[in-house]
């Protein structure tokens, strides 16, 4: 019977932890560089973007009906 390669498993776990830590650090840095306005200055722009995304999602979800 083959032996389990514990070193390989441990290395994979370490790589996964490192990847998650780097992703978290990247998101944190991105949030620090691009803070969202807290007083509502950019809300209208965000609402317009989310509306257009929702409209395009609705159009893609609804099948086209022939006339």
C-alpha atoms as a PDB file:
ATOM      1  CA  UNK A   1       0.000   0.000   0.000  1.00  0.00           C
ATOM      2  CA  UNK A   2       1.264   3.496  -0.891  1.00  0.00           C
ATOM      3  CA  UNK A   3       2.217   5.924   1.835  1.00  0.00           C
ATOM      4  CA  UNK A   4       0.467   9.253   2.146  1.00  0.00           C
ATOM      5  CA  UNK A   5       2.675  12.171   1.197  1.00  0.00           C
ATOM      6  CA  UNK A   6       2.080  14.457   4.162  1.00  0.00           C
ATOM      7  CA  UNK A   7       4.708  16.946   3.026  1.00  0.00           C
ATOM      8  CA  UNK A   8       2.822  17.508  -0.233  1.00  0.00           C
ATOM      9  CA  UNK A   9      -0.470  18.022   1.592  1.00  0.00           C
ATOM     10  CA  UNK A  10       1.148  20.422   4.053  1.00  0.00           C
ATOM     11  CA  UNK A  11       2.728  22.422   1.223  1.00  0.00           C
ATOM     12  CA  UNK A  12      -0.607  22.665  -0.586  1.00  0.00           C
ATOM     13  CA  UNK A  13      -2.278  23.990   2.563  1.00  0.00           C
ATOM     14  CA  UNK A  14       0.519  26.521   3.043  1.00  0.00           C
ATOM     15  CA  UNK A  15       0.190  27.695  -0.572  1.00  0.00           C
ATOM     16  CA  UNK A  16      -3.570  28.050  -0.172  1.00  0.00           C
ATOM     17  CA  UNK A  17      -3.155  30.102   3.021  1.00  0.00           C
ATOM     18  CA  UNK A  18      -0.575  32.304   1.313  1.00  0.00           C
ATOM     19  CA  UNK A  19      -2.865  32.831  -1.689  1.00  0.00           C
ATOM     20  CA  UNK A  20      -5.784  33.815   0.570  1.00  0.00           C
ATOM     21  CA  UNK A  21      -3.581  36.185   2.576  1.00  0.00           C
ATOM     22  CA  UNK A  22      -2.328  37.872  -0.601  1.00  0.00           C
ATOM     23  CA  UNK A  23      -5.891  38.226  -1.913  1.00  0.00           C
ATOM     24  CA  UNK A  24      -7.014  39.746   1.387  1.00  0.00           C
ATOM     25  CA  UNK A  25      -4.074  42.164   1.397  1.00  0.00           C
ATOM     26  CA  UNK A  26      -4.842  43.143  -2.212  1.00  0.00           C
ATOM     27  CA  UNK A  27      -8.517  43.815  -1.402  1.00  0.00           C
ATOM     28  CA  UNK A  28      -7.556  45.781   1.693  1.00  0.00           C
ATOM     29  CA  UNK A  29      -5.083  47.910  -0.268  1.00  0.00           C
ATOM     30  CA  UNK A  30      -7.630  48.442  -3.038  1.00  0.00           C
ATOM     31  CA  UNK A  31     -10.238  49.566  -0.510  1.00  0.00           C
ATOM     32  CA  UNK A  32      -7.715  51.918   1.061  1.00  0.00           C
ATOM     33  CA  UNK A  33      -6.811  53.470  -2.301  1.00  0.00           C
ATOM     34  CA  UNK A  34     -10.433  53.722  -3.498  1.00  0.00           C
ATOM     35  CA  UNK A  35     -12.565  54.556  -0.465  1.00  0.00           C
ATOM     36  CA  UNK A  36     -16.310  54.760  -0.993  1.00  0.00           C
ATOM     37  CA  UNK A  37     -17.833  58.152  -0.179  1.00  0.00           C
ATOM     38  CA  UNK A  38     -19.609  57.967   3.168  1.00  0.00           C
ATOM     39  CA  UNK A  39     -21.697  61.132   2.770  1.00  0.00           C
ATOM     40  CA  UNK A  40     -23.610  60.033  -0.345  1.00  0.00           C
ATOM     41  CA  UNK A  41     -21.699  62.011  -2.975  1.00  0.00           C
ATOM     42  CA  UNK A  42     -21.225  59.111  -5.400  1.00  0.00           C
ATOM     43  CA  UNK A  43     -24.526  57.310  -4.836  1.00  0.00           C
ATOM     44  CA  UNK A  44     -26.231  58.577  -8.014  1.00  0.00           C
ATOM     45  CA  UNK A  45     -23.417  57.256 -10.168  1.00  0.00           C
ATOM     46  CA  UNK A  46     -23.453  53.882  -8.408  1.00  0.00           C
ATOM     47  CA  UNK A  47     -27.248  53.650  -8.750  1.00  0.00           C
ATOM     48  CA  UNK A  48     -27.083  54.347 -12.492  1.00  0.00           C
ATOM     49  CA  UNK A  49     -24.482  51.632 -12.964  1.00  0.00           C
ATOM     50  CA  UNK A  50     -26.442  49.080 -10.955  1.00  0.00           C
ATOM     51  CA  UNK A  51     -29.660  49.912 -12.869  1.00  0.00           C
ATOM     52  CA  UNK A  52     -27.999  49.395 -16.250  1.00  0.00           C
ATOM     53  CA  UNK A  53     -26.493  46.118 -15.027  1.00  0.00           C
ATOM     54  CA  UNK A  54     -29.903  44.956 -13.783  1.00  0.00           C
ATOM     55  CA  UNK A  55     -31.555  45.907 -17.091  1.00  0.00           C
ATOM     56  CA  UNK A  56     -28.976  44.003 -19.107  1.00  0.00           C
ATOM     57  CA  UNK A  57     -29.337  40.996 -16.793  1.00  0.00           C
ATOM     58  CA  UNK A  58     -33.143  41.056 -17.238  1.00  0.00           C
ATOM     59  CA  UNK A  59     -32.800  41.275 -21.011  1.00  0.00           C
ATOM     60  CA  UNK A  60     -30.379  38.356 -21.063  1.00  0.00           C
ATOM     61  CA  UNK A  61     -32.587  36.225 -18.809  1.00  0.00           C
ATOM     62  CA  UNK A  62     -35.827  36.799 -20.748  1.00  0.00           C
ATOM     63  CA  UNK A  63     -36.076  34.760 -23.954  1.00  0.00           C
ATOM     64  CA  UNK A  64     -36.840  36.673 -27.136  1.00  0.00           C
ATOM     65  CA  UNK A  65     -40.420  36.132 -28.320  1.00  0.00           C
ATOM     66  CA  UNK A  66     -41.103  36.070 -32.058  1.00  0.00           C
ATOM     67  CA  UNK A  67     -43.779  38.438 -33.409  1.00  0.00           C
END
